[in-house]
Amino acid sequence: MTATLGLPRGLAELGVTRELFPRIIAGALKDHSHKTNSREASEADYEAMLEQSM
C-alpha cells in the first residue's frame, strides 16, 4: 500500500541519516511521552528502532 500511495519506504527517503540518530534519540528520551509508554525504551532500543526504520 505504501508503494501504491507513493509514500516513503523508510527514514532514509525522508533525508534522515545515521549521523542524526544521537540527536533524535536525545530528543526522544527528553520527551514527556517517553515515560508513559507501556514499555520504557532505552537509548539502545531507540537506536534499533531507527535502524530498522531506515
N, C-alpha and C. Protein backbone atom coordinates (compact mmCIF):
# COMPACT_ATOMS: atom_id res chain seq x y z
N MET A 1 0.83 -1.19 0.00
CA MET A 1 0.00 0.00 0.00
C MET A 1 0.87 1.26 0.00
N THR A 2 1.97 1.19 0.73
CA THR A 2 2.88 2.33 0.77
C THR A 2 3.35 2.70 -0.63
N ALA A 3 3.77 1.70 -1.39
CA ALA A 3 4.23 1.95 -2.76
C ALA A 3 3.10 2.48 -3.64
N THR A 4 1.92 1.91 -3.49
CA THR A 4 0.76 2.35 -4.28
C THR A 4 0.46 3.83 -4.04
N LEU A 5 0.61 4.25 -2.81
CA LEU A 5 0.33 5.64 -2.46
C LEU A 5 1.51 6.57 -2.73
N GLY A 6 2.66 5.98 -3.04
CA GLY A 6 3.84 6.80 -3.30
C GLY A 6 4.47 7.37 -2.04
N LEU A 7 4.25 6.70 -0.93
CA LEU A 7 4.80 7.17 0.34
C LEU A 7 6.25 6.70 0.50
N PRO A 8 7.06 7.42 1.28
CA PRO A 8 8.43 7.00 1.52
C PRO A 8 8.47 5.63 2.20
N ARG A 9 9.46 4.84 1.85
CA ARG A 9 9.57 3.49 2.40
C ARG A 9 10.45 3.41 3.62
N GLY A 10 10.99 4.50 4.05
CA GLY A 10 11.83 4.50 5.24
C GLY A 10 12.33 5.89 5.54
N LEU A 11 13.00 6.02 6.66
CA LEU A 11 13.50 7.32 7.08
C LEU A 11 14.54 7.89 6.13
N ALA A 12 15.33 7.02 5.50
CA ALA A 12 16.36 7.49 4.57
C ALA A 12 15.73 8.28 3.42
N GLU A 13 14.58 7.83 2.95
CA GLU A 13 13.89 8.54 1.86
C GLU A 13 13.37 9.90 2.32
N LEU A 14 13.33 10.12 3.61
CA LEU A 14 12.91 11.42 4.16
C LEU A 14 14.10 12.31 4.49
N GLY A 15 15.32 11.81 4.18
CA GLY A 15 16.51 12.60 4.42
C GLY A 15 17.18 12.35 5.76
N VAL A 16 16.69 11.38 6.51
CA VAL A 16 17.29 11.06 7.81
C VAL A 16 18.57 10.24 7.56
N THR A 17 19.64 10.63 8.24
CA THR A 17 20.91 9.90 8.16
C THR A 17 21.26 9.35 9.54
N ARG A 18 22.13 8.37 9.56
CA ARG A 18 22.55 7.78 10.84
C ARG A 18 23.27 8.80 11.73
N GLU A 19 23.85 9.81 11.13
CA GLU A 19 24.51 10.86 11.90
C GLU A 19 23.51 11.64 12.76
N LEU A 20 22.24 11.62 12.39
CA LEU A 20 21.20 12.31 13.15
C LEU A 20 20.69 11.49 14.33
N PHE A 21 20.99 10.20 14.36
CA PHE A 21 20.46 9.33 15.41
C PHE A 21 20.70 9.86 16.82
N PRO A 22 21.91 10.30 17.18
CA PRO A 22 22.10 10.78 18.56
C PRO A 22 21.17 11.93 18.94
N ARG A 23 20.93 12.85 18.02
CA ARG A 23 20.03 13.98 18.30
C ARG A 23 18.58 13.51 18.42
N ILE A 24 18.19 12.60 17.55
CA ILE A 24 16.82 12.07 17.59
C ILE A 24 16.59 11.31 18.89
N ILE A 25 17.55 10.48 19.27
CA ILE A 25 17.43 9.68 20.49
C ILE A 25 17.40 10.58 21.72
N ALA A 26 18.26 11.58 21.76
CA ALA A 26 18.27 12.51 22.90
C ALA A 26 16.92 13.20 23.04
N GLY A 27 16.34 13.61 21.93
CA GLY A 27 15.03 14.25 21.97
C GLY A 27 13.95 13.29 22.43
N ALA A 28 14.02 12.05 21.98
CA ALA A 28 13.03 11.05 22.38
C ALA A 28 13.10 10.79 23.88
N LEU A 29 14.31 10.71 24.42
CA LEU A 29 14.48 10.44 25.84
C LEU A 29 14.00 11.61 26.71
N LYS A 30 14.06 12.82 26.17
CA LYS A 30 13.61 14.01 26.92
C LYS A 30 12.11 14.24 26.80
N ASP A 31 11.49 13.65 25.81
CA ASP A 31 10.06 13.87 25.55
C ASP A 31 9.23 13.35 26.72
N HIS A 32 8.23 14.12 27.12
CA HIS A 32 7.39 13.73 28.27
C HIS A 32 6.63 12.43 28.03
N SER A 33 6.38 12.09 26.78
CA SER A 33 5.65 10.86 26.47
C SER A 33 6.51 9.61 26.64
N HIS A 34 7.81 9.79 26.67
CA HIS A 34 8.74 8.66 26.77
C HIS A 34 8.42 7.79 27.99
N LYS A 35 8.16 8.39 29.11
CA LYS A 35 7.93 7.64 30.34
C LYS A 35 6.52 7.06 30.46
N THR A 36 5.62 7.47 29.57
CA THR A 36 4.24 6.97 29.66
C THR A 36 3.98 5.80 28.72
N ASN A 37 4.99 5.39 27.95
CA ASN A 37 4.83 4.21 27.10
C ASN A 37 4.64 2.98 27.97
N SER A 38 3.95 2.00 27.46
CA SER A 38 3.72 0.78 28.24
C SER A 38 5.04 0.04 28.52
N ARG A 39 6.01 0.22 27.66
CA ARG A 39 7.34 -0.34 27.88
C ARG A 39 8.34 0.77 27.65
N GLU A 40 9.05 1.16 28.69
CA GLU A 40 10.02 2.25 28.57
C GLU A 40 11.18 1.81 27.68
N ALA A 41 11.51 2.63 26.70
CA ALA A 41 12.57 2.31 25.75
C ALA A 41 13.89 2.91 26.21
N SER A 42 14.96 2.16 26.00
CA SER A 42 16.31 2.64 26.32
C SER A 42 16.91 3.31 25.09
N GLU A 43 18.06 3.90 25.27
CA GLU A 43 18.78 4.51 24.15
C GLU A 43 19.04 3.46 23.07
N ALA A 44 19.44 2.26 23.49
CA ALA A 44 19.69 1.17 22.53
C ALA A 44 18.41 0.76 21.81
N ASP A 45 17.29 0.77 22.52
CA ASP A 45 16.01 0.44 21.89
C ASP A 45 15.67 1.45 20.79
N TYR A 46 15.85 2.74 21.09
CA TYR A 46 15.56 3.77 20.10
C TYR A 46 16.50 3.64 18.90
N GLU A 47 17.76 3.35 19.15
CA GLU A 47 18.71 3.20 18.05
C GLU A 47 18.29 2.03 17.15
N ALA A 48 17.89 0.92 17.75
CA ALA A 48 17.44 -0.24 16.98
C ALA A 48 16.20 0.09 16.17
N MET A 49 15.26 0.82 16.77
CA MET A 49 14.04 1.21 16.03
C MET A 49 14.38 2.11 14.84
N LEU A 50 15.28 3.05 15.06
CA LEU A 50 15.67 3.93 13.97
C LEU A 50 16.36 3.15 12.85
N GLU A 51 17.26 2.27 13.24
CA GLU A 51 17.98 1.46 12.25
C GLU A 51 17.01 0.63 11.42
N GLN A 52 16.04 0.04 12.07
CA GLN A 52 15.05 -0.77 11.34
C GLN A 52 14.16 0.07 10.45
N SER A 53 14.05 1.35 10.77
CA SER A 53 13.18 2.24 10.00
C SER A 53 13.88 2.92 8.84
N MET A 54 15.16 2.67 8.70
CA MET A 54 15.91 3.31 7.63
C MET A 54 15.50 2.73 6.28
